[in-house]
Amino acid sequence: MNSNDIADYLTQHPHFFEEHAELLSTVKLTSPVLGRAISLQERQMEIVREKYKLLELRMSDLVRVAQENDGITTKFQTWTRSLLLARNDVDLPYILTQGLQQFFDLPHATLRLWDTAEDYSHTWFSQSVTEDVRLFAKGLGSPFCGKNMDFEAAGWIESDEPIQSLAMLPLRLAPGASTFGLLVLGSPDPARYTKEMATDFLVKIADTASAALSCLIE
């Protein structure tokens, strides 16, 4: 018999150690924790403790993630509330971008809208953009995150520091619908927005921003 045969036998005969209880105290195993020989019963207890510690770590990790998600949800709700409280439509772009910076601790946030109603043609958020920007926004199926490769949109941000990374969120009312703007988040930290980062939450920001700003579009 080899070790696999013995393991199979014990698996198929779970009452073996009940019938030979004396072996529990006589069989000695090397403990990776204590560094000495211990009985089978002691080794079983070590394994149980190790599993318990892993469960504790897992539970702590789940609690941490839950607390982080709760914090994000609170910030998102506060930001959305500020948009609902806006009394003048023309103030929405400022309230929206400033709220993102304030509630989410973002270094920079700005935007541009096109095809706005005539009443808003003189505003900062309706400043003309090139056709390249419109095509870029139209081609985004999800937010772009990554290094600033001299994007035109990075020039919309007023900053004393170079913008090293960007998140650019297309504004549209539904998947496949016409794009009517671009929301830009910028940072002097090159690692703040990367192509590897998850964009689920940015999609929610884009969806909410699109709904709020749609009243400014013709």
N, C-alpha and C. Protein backbone atom coordinates (compact mmCIF):
# COMPACT_ATOMS: atom_id res chain seq x y z
N MET A 1 0.84 -1.21 0.00
CA MET A 1 0.00 0.00 0.00
C MET A 1 0.87 1.25 0.00
N ASN A 2 0.46 2.23 -0.78
CA ASN A 2 1.16 3.52 -0.74
C ASN A 2 0.30 4.53 0.03
N SER A 3 0.79 5.75 0.15
CA SER A 3 0.09 6.75 0.96
C SER A 3 -1.29 7.07 0.40
N ASN A 4 -1.44 7.03 -0.92
CA ASN A 4 -2.75 7.30 -1.52
C ASN A 4 -3.75 6.20 -1.17
N ASP A 5 -3.27 4.95 -1.14
CA ASP A 5 -4.14 3.84 -0.78
C ASP A 5 -4.62 3.99 0.66
N ILE A 6 -3.69 4.42 1.53
CA ILE A 6 -4.06 4.60 2.94
C ILE A 6 -5.07 5.72 3.07
N ALA A 7 -4.84 6.83 2.36
CA ALA A 7 -5.76 7.96 2.41
C ALA A 7 -7.14 7.57 1.92
N ASP A 8 -7.19 6.79 0.83
CA ASP A 8 -8.47 6.33 0.29
C ASP A 8 -9.18 5.42 1.29
N TYR A 9 -8.40 4.55 1.94
CA TYR A 9 -8.99 3.62 2.91
C TYR A 9 -9.63 4.39 4.07
N LEU A 10 -8.89 5.39 4.61
CA LEU A 10 -9.41 6.16 5.74
C LEU A 10 -10.63 6.97 5.33
N THR A 11 -10.64 7.46 4.08
CA THR A 11 -11.79 8.21 3.59
C THR A 11 -13.02 7.32 3.50
N GLN A 12 -12.80 6.09 3.05
CA GLN A 12 -13.91 5.15 2.88
C GLN A 12 -14.33 4.48 4.19
N HIS A 13 -13.49 4.62 5.21
CA HIS A 13 -13.81 4.02 6.52
C HIS A 13 -13.67 5.09 7.60
N PRO A 14 -14.64 6.01 7.65
CA PRO A 14 -14.55 7.14 8.59
C PRO A 14 -14.59 6.72 10.06
N HIS A 15 -15.02 5.49 10.33
CA HIS A 15 -15.08 5.04 11.73
C HIS A 15 -13.79 4.37 12.19
N PHE A 16 -12.78 4.42 11.36
CA PHE A 16 -11.53 3.73 11.70
C PHE A 16 -10.98 4.22 13.03
N PHE A 17 -10.90 5.54 13.23
CA PHE A 17 -10.30 6.07 14.46
C PHE A 17 -11.23 5.93 15.66
N GLU A 18 -12.53 5.70 15.39
CA GLU A 18 -13.42 5.39 16.51
C GLU A 18 -13.14 3.98 17.01
N GLU A 19 -12.84 3.10 16.08
CA GLU A 19 -12.55 1.71 16.43
C GLU A 19 -11.14 1.55 17.00
N HIS A 20 -10.26 2.52 16.65
CA HIS A 20 -8.87 2.47 17.13
C HIS A 20 -8.51 3.82 17.75
N ALA A 21 -9.28 4.21 18.75
CA ALA A 21 -9.11 5.52 19.39
C ALA A 21 -7.72 5.70 19.99
N GLU A 22 -7.08 4.60 20.38
CA GLU A 22 -5.75 4.72 21.00
C GLU A 22 -4.72 5.32 20.04
N LEU A 23 -4.98 5.22 18.72
CA LEU A 23 -4.03 5.75 17.75
C LEU A 23 -3.99 7.28 17.74
N LEU A 24 -5.09 7.89 18.17
CA LEU A 24 -5.17 9.35 18.15
C LEU A 24 -4.07 9.99 19.00
N SER A 25 -3.72 9.31 20.09
CA SER A 25 -2.70 9.87 20.99
C SER A 25 -1.30 9.36 20.69
N THR A 26 -1.23 8.24 19.96
CA THR A 26 0.09 7.67 19.71
C THR A 26 0.69 8.12 18.37
N VAL A 27 -0.18 8.41 17.38
CA VAL A 27 0.33 8.90 16.10
C VAL A 27 0.88 10.30 16.28
N LYS A 28 2.12 10.51 15.86
CA LYS A 28 2.77 11.80 16.03
C LYS A 28 2.98 12.47 14.66
N LEU A 29 2.67 13.76 14.60
CA LEU A 29 2.85 14.54 13.39
C LEU A 29 3.72 15.74 13.69
N THR A 30 4.43 16.23 12.69
CA THR A 30 5.24 17.42 12.88
C THR A 30 4.36 18.66 12.74
N SER A 31 4.40 19.51 13.73
CA SER A 31 3.60 20.74 13.72
C SER A 31 4.38 21.87 13.05
N PRO A 32 3.83 22.45 11.96
CA PRO A 32 4.50 23.60 11.33
C PRO A 32 4.42 24.86 12.20
N VAL A 33 3.53 24.83 13.18
CA VAL A 33 3.37 25.99 14.07
C VAL A 33 4.33 25.90 15.24
N LEU A 34 4.32 24.74 15.91
CA LEU A 34 5.15 24.56 17.10
C LEU A 34 6.55 24.07 16.78
N GLY A 35 6.72 23.47 15.61
CA GLY A 35 8.04 22.97 15.22
C GLY A 35 8.46 21.73 15.97
N ARG A 36 7.50 20.96 16.43
CA ARG A 36 7.81 19.71 17.14
C ARG A 36 6.73 18.69 16.85
N ALA A 37 6.96 17.46 17.28
CA ALA A 37 5.98 16.40 17.06
C ALA A 37 4.81 16.55 18.01
N ILE A 38 3.58 16.41 17.47
CA ILE A 38 2.38 16.50 18.29
C ILE A 38 1.45 15.36 17.89
N SER A 39 0.44 15.13 18.72
CA SER A 39 -0.50 14.05 18.44
C SER A 39 -1.44 14.47 17.31
N LEU A 40 -2.13 13.48 16.76
CA LEU A 40 -3.09 13.72 15.68
C LEU A 40 -4.20 14.66 16.15
N GLN A 41 -4.65 14.50 17.38
CA GLN A 41 -5.69 15.38 17.93
C GLN A 41 -5.22 16.83 18.00
N GLU A 42 -3.97 17.01 18.45
CA GLU A 42 -3.43 18.37 18.53
C GLU A 42 -3.30 19.00 17.14
N ARG A 43 -2.90 18.19 16.16
CA ARG A 43 -2.76 18.69 14.81
C ARG A 43 -4.12 19.09 14.23
N GLN A 44 -5.15 18.30 14.57
CA GLN A 44 -6.49 18.65 14.13
C GLN A 44 -6.93 20.00 14.71
N MET A 45 -6.59 20.21 15.96
CA MET A 45 -6.94 21.49 16.59
C MET A 45 -6.19 22.64 15.92
N GLU A 46 -4.93 22.41 15.56
CA GLU A 46 -4.16 23.45 14.85
C GLU A 46 -4.83 23.81 13.53
N ILE A 47 -5.27 22.79 12.80
CA ILE A 47 -5.92 23.02 11.51
C ILE A 47 -7.20 23.83 11.69
N VAL A 48 -7.97 23.46 12.74
CA VAL A 48 -9.21 24.20 13.02
C VAL A 48 -8.90 25.66 13.35
N ARG A 49 -7.85 25.88 14.15
CA ARG A 49 -7.47 27.27 14.49
C ARG A 49 -7.04 28.05 13.25
N GLU A 50 -6.27 27.38 12.37
CA GLU A 50 -5.82 28.05 11.15
C GLU A 50 -7.01 28.43 10.27
N LYS A 51 -7.98 27.53 10.14
CA LYS A 51 -9.17 27.83 9.36
C LYS A 51 -9.95 28.98 9.99
N TYR A 52 -10.02 28.99 11.32
CA TYR A 52 -10.74 30.05 12.04
C TYR A 52 -10.07 31.41 11.79
N LYS A 53 -8.73 31.41 11.82
CA LYS A 53 -8.02 32.67 11.57
C LYS A 53 -8.26 33.17 10.16
N LEU A 54 -8.28 32.23 9.19
CA LEU A 54 -8.55 32.62 7.80
C LEU A 54 -9.95 33.19 7.65
N LEU A 55 -10.91 32.57 8.37
CA LEU A 55 -12.27 33.08 8.33
C LEU A 55 -12.36 34.47 8.96
N GLU A 56 -11.62 34.67 10.05
CA GLU A 56 -11.60 35.99 10.69
C GLU A 56 -11.04 37.05 9.75
N LEU A 57 -9.95 36.71 9.05
CA LEU A 57 -9.36 37.64 8.10
C LEU A 57 -10.32 37.95 6.96
N ARG A 58 -10.98 36.90 6.48
CA ARG A 58 -11.96 37.08 5.41
C ARG A 58 -13.11 37.96 5.86
N MET A 59 -13.59 37.73 7.08
CA MET A 59 -14.69 38.54 7.62
C MET A 59 -14.27 39.99 7.78
N SER A 60 -13.04 40.21 8.26
CA SER A 60 -12.54 41.58 8.42
C SER A 60 -12.46 42.28 7.07
N ASP A 61 -12.04 41.52 6.05
CA ASP A 61 -11.94 42.09 4.72
C ASP A 61 -13.32 42.45 4.18
N LEU A 62 -14.30 41.58 4.41
CA LEU A 62 -15.67 41.86 3.97
C LEU A 62 -16.25 43.08 4.67
N VAL A 63 -15.97 43.20 5.97
CA VAL A 63 -16.45 44.37 6.72
C VAL A 63 -15.82 45.64 6.19
N ARG A 64 -14.51 45.58 5.88
CA ARG A 64 -13.82 46.76 5.34
C ARG A 64 -14.42 47.18 4.00
N VAL A 65 -14.65 46.21 3.13
CA VAL A 65 -15.23 46.51 1.82
C VAL A 65 -16.63 47.09 1.98
N ALA A 66 -17.40 46.52 2.91
CA ALA A 66 -18.76 47.02 3.15
C ALA A 66 -18.74 48.46 3.64
N GLN A 67 -17.79 48.76 4.53
CA GLN A 67 -17.67 50.12 5.04
C GLN A 67 -17.26 51.09 3.94
N GLU A 68 -16.34 50.66 3.06
CA GLU A 68 -15.93 51.50 1.95
C GLU A 68 -17.09 51.76 1.00
N ASN A 69 -17.86 50.70 0.70
CA ASN A 69 -19.00 50.85 -0.19
C ASN A 69 -20.07 51.75 0.42
N ASP A 70 -20.25 51.63 1.72
CA ASP A 70 -21.23 52.48 2.40
C ASP A 70 -20.79 53.95 2.33
N GLY A 71 -19.48 54.18 2.48
CA GLY A 71 -18.97 55.55 2.38
C GLY A 71 -19.17 56.12 0.98
N ILE A 72 -18.91 55.29 -0.04
CA ILE A 72 -19.10 55.74 -1.42
C ILE A 72 -20.57 56.03 -1.69
N THR A 73 -21.46 55.15 -1.20
CA THR A 73 -22.89 55.35 -1.39
C THR A 73 -23.35 56.65 -0.75
N THR A 74 -22.85 56.94 0.44
CA THR A 74 -23.21 58.19 1.13
C THR A 74 -22.75 59.41 0.33
N LYS A 75 -21.51 59.36 -0.18
CA LYS A 75 -20.99 60.46 -0.98
C LYS A 75 -21.81 60.65 -2.26
N PHE A 76 -22.15 59.53 -2.89
CA PHE A 76 -22.93 59.60 -4.13
C PHE A 76 -24.31 60.20 -3.87
N GLN A 77 -24.92 59.79 -2.76
CA GLN A 77 -26.24 60.32 -2.43
C GLN A 77 -26.17 61.81 -2.13
N THR A 78 -25.12 62.25 -1.44
CA THR A 78 -24.95 63.67 -1.13
C THR A 78 -24.76 64.48 -2.39
N TRP A 79 -23.95 63.95 -3.32
CA TRP A 79 -23.71 64.63 -4.60
C TRP A 79 -25.00 64.73 -5.41
N THR A 80 -25.74 63.62 -5.49
CA THR A 80 -27.00 63.62 -6.23
C THR A 80 -28.00 64.60 -5.63
N ARG A 81 -28.03 64.66 -4.31
CA ARG A 81 -28.94 65.58 -3.62
C ARG A 81 -28.62 67.03 -3.99
N SER A 82 -27.33 67.34 -4.10
CA SER A 82 -26.94 68.72 -4.46
C SER A 82 -27.43 69.08 -5.86
N LEU A 83 -27.49 68.09 -6.76
CA LEU A 83 -28.00 68.35 -8.10
C LEU A 83 -29.50 68.59 -8.08
N LEU A 84 -30.20 67.83 -7.25
CA LEU A 84 -31.65 67.99 -7.15
C LEU A 84 -32.03 69.33 -6.52
N LEU A 85 -31.16 69.88 -5.68
CA LEU A 85 -31.45 71.14 -5.01
C LEU A 85 -31.12 72.37 -5.87
N ALA A 86 -30.48 72.15 -7.02
CA ALA A 86 -30.12 73.27 -7.89
C ALA A 86 -31.39 74.00 -8.34
N ARG A 87 -31.42 75.32 -8.20
CA ARG A 87 -32.61 76.10 -8.54
C ARG A 87 -32.57 76.59 -9.98
N ASN A 88 -31.39 76.75 -10.54
CA ASN A 88 -31.26 77.25 -11.90
C ASN A 88 -30.51 76.23 -12.74
N ASP A 89 -31.06 75.91 -13.90
CA ASP A 89 -30.42 74.92 -14.76
C ASP A 89 -29.01 75.32 -15.14
N VAL A 90 -28.79 76.60 -15.35
CA VAL A 90 -27.48 77.07 -15.80
C VAL A 90 -26.39 76.82 -14.76
N ASP A 91 -26.80 76.65 -13.51
CA ASP A 91 -25.84 76.41 -12.43
C ASP A 91 -25.45 74.92 -12.32
N LEU A 92 -26.17 74.05 -12.98
CA LEU A 92 -25.95 72.61 -12.81
C LEU A 92 -24.53 72.16 -13.13
N PRO A 93 -23.91 72.58 -14.25
CA PRO A 93 -22.55 72.11 -14.54
C PRO A 93 -21.56 72.48 -13.44
N TYR A 94 -21.69 73.69 -12.89
CA TYR A 94 -20.77 74.10 -11.82
C TYR A 94 -21.03 73.27 -10.56
N ILE A 95 -22.29 73.13 -10.18
CA ILE A 95 -22.64 72.36 -8.98
C ILE A 95 -22.18 70.92 -9.14
N LEU A 96 -22.35 70.38 -10.33
CA LEU A 96 -21.97 68.99 -10.60
C LEU A 96 -20.47 68.78 -10.46
N THR A 97 -19.68 69.61 -11.13
CA THR A 97 -18.22 69.41 -11.11
C THR A 97 -17.63 69.75 -9.75
N GLN A 98 -18.12 70.83 -9.13
CA GLN A 98 -17.61 71.18 -7.81
C GLN A 98 -17.99 70.14 -6.77
N GLY A 99 -19.18 69.57 -6.93
CA GLY A 99 -19.61 68.53 -6.00
C GLY A 99 -18.74 67.29 -6.11
N LEU A 100 -18.36 66.92 -7.33
CA LEU A 100 -17.47 65.77 -7.50
C LEU A 100 -16.15 66.01 -6.79
N GLN A 101 -15.61 67.20 -6.94
CA GLN A 101 -14.34 67.51 -6.29
C GLN A 101 -14.49 67.51 -4.77
N GLN A 102 -15.58 68.10 -4.29
CA GLN A 102 -15.75 68.24 -2.85
C GLN A 102 -16.09 66.92 -2.17
N PHE A 103 -17.08 66.22 -2.69
CA PHE A 103 -17.57 65.02 -2.00
C PHE A 103 -16.71 63.79 -2.22
N PHE A 104 -16.01 63.74 -3.36
CA PHE A 104 -15.19 62.57 -3.67
C PHE A 104 -13.69 62.87 -3.61
N ASP A 105 -13.34 64.04 -3.13
CA ASP A 105 -11.93 64.42 -2.97
C ASP A 105 -11.15 64.27 -4.27
N LEU A 106 -11.72 64.77 -5.35
CA LEU A 106 -11.06 64.71 -6.65
C LEU A 106 -10.28 66.00 -6.90
N PRO A 107 -9.09 65.90 -7.46
CA PRO A 107 -8.28 67.11 -7.71
C PRO A 107 -8.95 68.08 -8.68
N HIS A 108 -9.48 67.55 -9.80
CA HIS A 108 -10.04 68.41 -10.83
C HIS A 108 -11.22 67.73 -11.51
N ALA A 109 -12.21 68.54 -11.86
CA ALA A 109 -13.36 68.04 -12.61
C ALA A 109 -13.91 69.18 -13.46
N THR A 110 -14.17 68.89 -14.71
CA THR A 110 -14.75 69.88 -15.60
C THR A 110 -15.52 69.15 -16.69
N LEU A 111 -16.17 69.90 -17.58
CA LEU A 111 -16.95 69.27 -18.63
C LEU A 111 -17.18 70.24 -19.77
N ARG A 112 -17.62 69.68 -20.88
CA ARG A 112 -18.07 70.45 -22.02
C ARG A 112 -19.31 69.78 -22.59
N LEU A 113 -20.27 70.62 -23.00
CA LEU A 113 -21.49 70.14 -23.62
C LEU A 113 -21.60 70.75 -25.01
N TRP A 114 -22.15 69.99 -25.95
CA TRP A 114 -22.42 70.55 -27.26
C TRP A 114 -23.91 70.37 -27.59
N ASP A 115 -24.34 71.12 -28.57
CA ASP A 115 -25.76 71.13 -28.94
C ASP A 115 -26.62 71.63 -27.79
N THR A 116 -26.09 72.59 -27.03
CA THR A 116 -26.87 73.16 -25.94
C THR A 116 -27.91 74.13 -26.49
N ALA A 117 -28.92 74.41 -25.68
CA ALA A 117 -29.94 75.38 -26.07
C ALA A 117 -29.32 76.77 -26.22
N GLU A 118 -29.97 77.60 -27.03
CA GLU A 118 -29.44 78.93 -27.33
C GLU A 118 -29.20 79.75 -26.07
N ASP A 119 -30.03 79.59 -25.07
CA ASP A 119 -29.90 80.37 -23.83
C ASP A 119 -28.57 80.12 -23.12
N TYR A 120 -27.91 79.00 -23.43
CA TYR A 120 -26.68 78.66 -22.72
C TYR A 120 -25.44 78.75 -23.61
N SER A 121 -25.59 79.33 -24.78
CA SER A 121 -24.48 79.37 -25.74
C SER A 121 -23.31 80.22 -25.25
N HIS A 122 -23.54 81.12 -24.30
CA HIS A 122 -22.49 82.03 -23.82
C HIS A 122 -21.73 81.45 -22.62
N THR A 123 -22.11 80.30 -22.13
CA THR A 123 -21.57 79.77 -20.88
C THR A 123 -20.23 79.07 -21.08
N TRP A 124 -19.53 78.88 -19.97
CA TRP A 124 -18.21 78.22 -20.02
C TRP A 124 -18.31 76.77 -20.46
N PHE A 125 -19.41 76.12 -20.10
CA PHE A 125 -19.52 74.69 -20.43
C PHE A 125 -19.95 74.46 -21.88
N SER A 126 -20.34 75.54 -22.57
CA SER A 126 -20.74 75.42 -23.98
C SER A 126 -19.64 75.89 -24.93
N GLN A 127 -18.46 76.15 -24.42
CA GLN A 127 -17.36 76.57 -25.29
C GLN A 127 -17.13 75.51 -26.36
N SER A 128 -16.77 75.98 -27.53
CA SER A 128 -16.63 75.08 -28.67
C SER A 128 -15.54 74.03 -28.45
N VAL A 129 -15.77 72.86 -28.98
CA VAL A 129 -14.79 71.78 -28.95
C VAL A 129 -14.59 71.31 -30.39
N THR A 130 -13.47 70.68 -30.64
CA THR A 130 -13.18 70.21 -31.99
C THR A 130 -13.99 68.97 -32.32
N GLU A 131 -14.06 68.68 -33.59
CA GLU A 131 -14.76 67.48 -34.04
C GLU A 131 -14.07 66.23 -33.51
N ASP A 132 -12.76 66.31 -33.29
CA ASP A 132 -12.02 65.17 -32.74
C ASP A 132 -12.55 64.80 -31.35
N VAL A 133 -12.84 65.81 -30.54
CA VAL A 133 -13.36 65.55 -29.20
C VAL A 133 -14.72 64.88 -29.29
N ARG A 134 -15.56 65.37 -30.17
CA ARG A 134 -16.90 64.79 -30.32
C ARG A 134 -16.81 63.33 -30.77
N LEU A 135 -15.93 63.06 -31.72
CA LEU A 135 -15.77 61.70 -32.20
C LEU A 135 -15.20 60.79 -31.12
N PHE A 136 -14.25 61.33 -30.35
CA PHE A 136 -13.67 60.56 -29.25
C PHE A 136 -14.74 60.18 -28.23
N ALA A 137 -15.55 61.16 -27.83
CA ALA A 137 -16.62 60.91 -26.86
C ALA A 137 -17.63 59.92 -27.41
N LYS A 138 -17.97 60.08 -28.68
CA LYS A 138 -18.95 59.19 -29.30
C LYS A 138 -18.44 57.75 -29.32
N GLY A 139 -17.14 57.57 -29.48
CA GLY A 139 -16.57 56.23 -29.56
C GLY A 139 -16.36 55.56 -28.23
N LEU A 140 -16.57 56.27 -27.13
CA LEU A 140 -16.38 55.67 -25.80
C LEU A 140 -17.62 54.88 -25.40
N GLY A 141 -17.48 53.58 -25.30
CA GLY A 141 -18.57 52.76 -24.80
C GLY A 141 -18.61 52.74 -23.28
N SER A 142 -17.50 53.10 -22.66
CA SER A 142 -17.37 53.18 -21.21
C SER A 142 -16.34 54.27 -20.91
N PRO A 143 -16.24 54.71 -19.67
CA PRO A 143 -15.28 55.76 -19.34
C PRO A 143 -13.85 55.38 -19.71
N PHE A 144 -13.11 56.36 -20.20
CA PHE A 144 -11.68 56.17 -20.47
C PHE A 144 -10.90 56.54 -19.23
N CYS A 145 -9.95 55.71 -18.85
CA CYS A 145 -9.06 56.00 -17.73
C CYS A 145 -7.63 55.71 -18.18
N GLY A 146 -6.73 56.63 -17.92
CA GLY A 146 -5.35 56.39 -18.30
C GLY A 146 -4.51 57.63 -18.30
N LYS A 147 -3.32 57.51 -18.85
CA LYS A 147 -2.37 58.61 -18.89
C LYS A 147 -2.87 59.72 -19.82
N ASN A 148 -2.49 60.94 -19.49
CA ASN A 148 -2.82 62.07 -20.34
C ASN A 148 -1.86 62.09 -21.52
N MET A 149 -2.36 61.71 -22.67
CA MET A 149 -1.55 61.70 -23.89
C MET A 149 -1.81 62.98 -24.68
N ASP A 150 -1.66 64.11 -24.01
CA ASP A 150 -1.91 65.42 -24.61
C ASP A 150 -3.32 65.53 -25.19
N PHE A 151 -4.28 65.02 -24.44
CA PHE A 151 -5.67 65.11 -24.87
C PHE A 151 -6.14 66.56 -24.83
N GLU A 152 -6.95 66.91 -25.79
CA GLU A 152 -7.51 68.27 -25.82
C GLU A 152 -8.32 68.55 -24.56
N ALA A 153 -9.05 67.55 -24.09
CA ALA A 153 -9.89 67.73 -22.91
C ALA A 153 -9.09 68.09 -21.66
N ALA A 154 -7.82 67.65 -21.61
CA ALA A 154 -6.98 67.99 -20.45
C ALA A 154 -6.76 69.49 -20.38
N GLY A 155 -6.81 70.17 -21.53
CA GLY A 155 -6.64 71.62 -21.56
C GLY A 155 -7.81 72.38 -20.98
N TRP A 156 -8.93 71.72 -20.77
CA TRP A 156 -10.07 72.38 -20.14
C TRP A 156 -9.86 72.60 -18.65
N ILE A 157 -8.90 71.88 -18.09
CA ILE A 157 -8.66 71.95 -16.65
C ILE A 157 -7.65 73.05 -16.34
N GLU A 158 -8.01 73.94 -15.44
CA GLU A 158 -7.10 74.98 -15.00
C GLU A 158 -6.33 74.47 -13.79
N SER A 159 -5.02 74.28 -13.97
CA SER A 159 -4.20 73.71 -12.91
C SER A 159 -2.78 74.24 -13.00
N ASP A 160 -2.17 74.46 -11.84
CA ASP A 160 -0.77 74.88 -11.79
C ASP A 160 0.17 73.69 -12.00
N GLU A 161 -0.37 72.48 -11.85
CA GLU A 161 0.43 71.27 -12.03
C GLU A 161 0.02 70.57 -13.32
N PRO A 162 0.94 69.89 -13.98
CA PRO A 162 0.58 69.14 -15.18
C PRO A 162 -0.41 68.03 -14.85
N ILE A 163 -1.39 67.86 -15.71
CA ILE A 163 -2.36 66.78 -15.54
C ILE A 163 -1.75 65.50 -16.10
N GLN A 164 -1.50 64.53 -15.21
CA GLN A 164 -0.81 63.31 -15.60
C GLN A 164 -1.75 62.16 -15.98
N SER A 165 -2.92 62.13 -15.36
CA SER A 165 -3.87 61.06 -15.67
C SER A 165 -5.28 61.62 -15.73
N LEU A 166 -6.12 60.92 -16.50
CA LEU A 166 -7.48 61.40 -16.76
C LEU A 166 -8.50 60.28 -16.69
N ALA A 167 -9.71 60.67 -16.32
CA ALA A 167 -10.88 59.82 -16.51
C ALA A 167 -11.86 60.66 -17.32
N MET A 168 -12.25 60.17 -18.48
CA MET A 168 -13.16 60.91 -19.35
C MET A 168 -14.44 60.11 -19.55
N LEU A 169 -15.56 60.72 -19.17
CA LEU A 169 -16.84 60.05 -19.13
C LEU A 169 -17.76 60.63 -20.20
N PRO A 170 -18.19 59.82 -21.16
CA PRO A 170 -19.12 60.31 -22.19
C PRO A 170 -20.49 60.55 -21.58
N LEU A 171 -21.14 61.61 -22.01
CA LEU A 171 -22.47 61.95 -21.50
C LEU A 171 -23.50 61.62 -22.57
N ARG A 172 -24.37 60.69 -22.24
CA ARG A 172 -25.46 60.28 -23.14
C ARG A 172 -26.57 59.72 -22.26
N LEU A 173 -27.80 59.72 -22.78
CA LEU A 173 -28.94 59.33 -21.96
C LEU A 173 -29.21 57.83 -21.96
N ALA A 174 -28.61 57.12 -22.90
CA ALA A 174 -28.80 55.67 -22.96
C ALA A 174 -27.68 55.07 -23.79
N PRO A 175 -27.35 53.80 -23.58
CA PRO A 175 -26.32 53.16 -24.41
C PRO A 175 -26.70 53.25 -25.88
N GLY A 176 -25.78 53.71 -26.69
CA GLY A 176 -26.04 53.83 -28.11
C GLY A 176 -26.66 55.15 -28.52
N ALA A 177 -27.11 55.95 -27.55
CA ALA A 177 -27.70 57.25 -27.85
C ALA A 177 -26.62 58.25 -28.23
N SER A 178 -27.03 59.37 -28.79
CA SER A 178 -26.08 60.40 -29.18
C SER A 178 -25.36 60.96 -27.96
N THR A 179 -24.08 61.20 -28.10
CA THR A 179 -23.29 61.80 -27.03
C THR A 179 -23.41 63.32 -27.10
N PHE A 180 -23.69 63.96 -25.98
CA PHE A 180 -23.86 65.41 -25.99
C PHE A 180 -22.85 66.14 -25.11
N GLY A 181 -21.86 65.40 -24.58
CA GLY A 181 -20.86 66.06 -23.76
C GLY A 181 -19.81 65.10 -23.24
N LEU A 182 -18.86 65.67 -22.53
CA LEU A 182 -17.77 64.88 -21.97
C LEU A 182 -17.42 65.43 -20.59
N LEU A 183 -17.49 64.58 -19.59
CA LEU A 183 -17.10 64.92 -18.23
C LEU A 183 -15.68 64.45 -18.01
N VAL A 184 -14.82 65.35 -17.52
CA VAL A 184 -13.39 65.06 -17.42
C VAL A 184 -12.92 65.19 -15.97
N LEU A 185 -12.28 64.15 -15.47
CA LEU A 185 -11.65 64.16 -14.15
C LEU A 185 -10.15 64.06 -14.37
N GLY A 186 -9.41 64.97 -13.78
CA GLY A 186 -7.97 64.98 -13.98
C GLY A 186 -7.20 64.99 -12.68
N SER A 187 -5.95 64.52 -12.76
CA SER A 187 -5.11 64.47 -11.55
C SER A 187 -3.63 64.63 -11.93
N PRO A 188 -2.85 65.30 -11.07
CA PRO A 188 -1.41 65.36 -11.29
C PRO A 188 -0.71 64.05 -10.95
N ASP A 189 -1.44 63.13 -10.34
CA ASP A 189 -0.89 61.82 -9.98
C ASP A 189 -1.07 60.86 -11.16
N PRO A 190 0.02 60.36 -11.75
CA PRO A 190 -0.12 59.46 -12.90
C PRO A 190 -0.80 58.14 -12.57
N ALA A 191 -0.86 57.78 -11.29
CA ALA A 191 -1.48 56.52 -10.89
C ALA A 191 -2.92 56.69 -10.42
N ARG A 192 -3.43 57.92 -10.47
CA ARG A 192 -4.80 58.15 -9.98
C ARG A 192 -5.84 57.49 -10.88
N TYR A 193 -5.68 57.63 -12.18
CA TYR A 193 -6.58 57.00 -13.14
C TYR A 193 -5.75 56.12 -14.07
N THR A 194 -6.01 54.84 -14.05
CA THR A 194 -5.25 53.90 -14.87
C THR A 194 -6.20 53.04 -15.69
N LYS A 195 -5.69 52.47 -16.76
CA LYS A 195 -6.53 51.64 -17.62
C LYS A 195 -6.96 50.34 -16.94
N GLU A 196 -6.28 49.99 -15.83
CA GLU A 196 -6.62 48.75 -15.12
C GLU A 196 -7.75 48.94 -14.12
N MET A 197 -8.08 50.18 -13.79
CA MET A 197 -9.04 50.42 -12.72
C MET A 197 -10.47 50.08 -13.17
N ALA A 198 -11.29 49.68 -12.20
CA ALA A 198 -12.69 49.39 -12.48
C ALA A 198 -13.44 50.69 -12.77
N THR A 199 -14.41 50.63 -13.67
CA THR A 199 -15.13 51.84 -14.07
C THR A 199 -16.62 51.79 -13.72
N ASP A 200 -17.04 50.78 -12.95
CA ASP A 200 -18.46 50.63 -12.62
C ASP A 200 -19.02 51.89 -11.97
N PHE A 201 -18.28 52.42 -11.00
CA PHE A 201 -18.77 53.59 -10.28
C PHE A 201 -18.74 54.83 -11.18
N LEU A 202 -17.73 54.93 -12.05
CA LEU A 202 -17.67 56.04 -12.99
C LEU A 202 -18.85 56.01 -13.96
N VAL A 203 -19.29 54.82 -14.33
CA VAL A 203 -20.46 54.70 -15.20
C VAL A 203 -21.69 55.27 -14.51
N LYS A 204 -21.84 55.01 -13.21
CA LYS A 204 -22.97 55.55 -12.46
C LYS A 204 -22.90 57.08 -12.39
N ILE A 205 -21.70 57.60 -12.20
CA ILE A 205 -21.53 59.05 -12.20
C ILE A 205 -21.92 59.62 -13.56
N ALA A 206 -21.48 58.99 -14.64
CA ALA A 206 -21.80 59.47 -15.99
C ALA A 206 -23.31 59.42 -16.23
N ASP A 207 -23.95 58.35 -15.81
CA ASP A 207 -25.40 58.22 -16.01
C ASP A 207 -26.16 59.32 -15.26
N THR A 208 -25.77 59.56 -14.01
CA THR A 208 -26.44 60.59 -13.21
C THR A 208 -26.17 61.98 -13.77
N ALA A 209 -24.91 62.23 -14.16
CA ALA A 209 -24.56 63.53 -14.73
C ALA A 209 -25.33 63.77 -16.04
N SER A 210 -25.44 62.75 -16.86
CA SER A 210 -26.16 62.87 -18.12
C SER A 210 -27.62 63.24 -17.90
N ALA A 211 -28.25 62.57 -16.94
CA ALA A 211 -29.66 62.86 -16.64
C ALA A 211 -29.83 64.29 -16.13
N ALA A 212 -28.91 64.72 -15.27
CA ALA A 212 -29.02 66.06 -14.70
C ALA A 212 -28.81 67.15 -15.74
N LEU A 213 -27.88 66.92 -16.68
CA LEU A 213 -27.51 67.95 -17.64
C LEU A 213 -28.36 67.95 -18.91
N SER A 214 -29.19 66.95 -19.07
CA SER A 214 -29.98 66.83 -20.31
C SER A 214 -30.92 68.02 -20.52
N CYS A 215 -31.27 68.71 -19.43
CA CYS A 215 -32.17 69.87 -19.55
C CYS A 215 -31.51 71.04 -20.26
N LEU A 216 -30.17 70.99 -20.43
CA LEU A 216 -29.46 72.08 -21.08
C LEU A 216 -29.31 71.86 -22.59
N ILE A 217 -29.72 70.70 -23.06
CA ILE A 217 -29.53 70.33 -24.47
C ILE A 217 -30.79 70.61 -25.26
N GLU A 218 -30.62 71.05 -26.48
CA GLU A 218 -31.76 71.33 -27.35
C GLU A 218 -32.58 70.08 -27.60
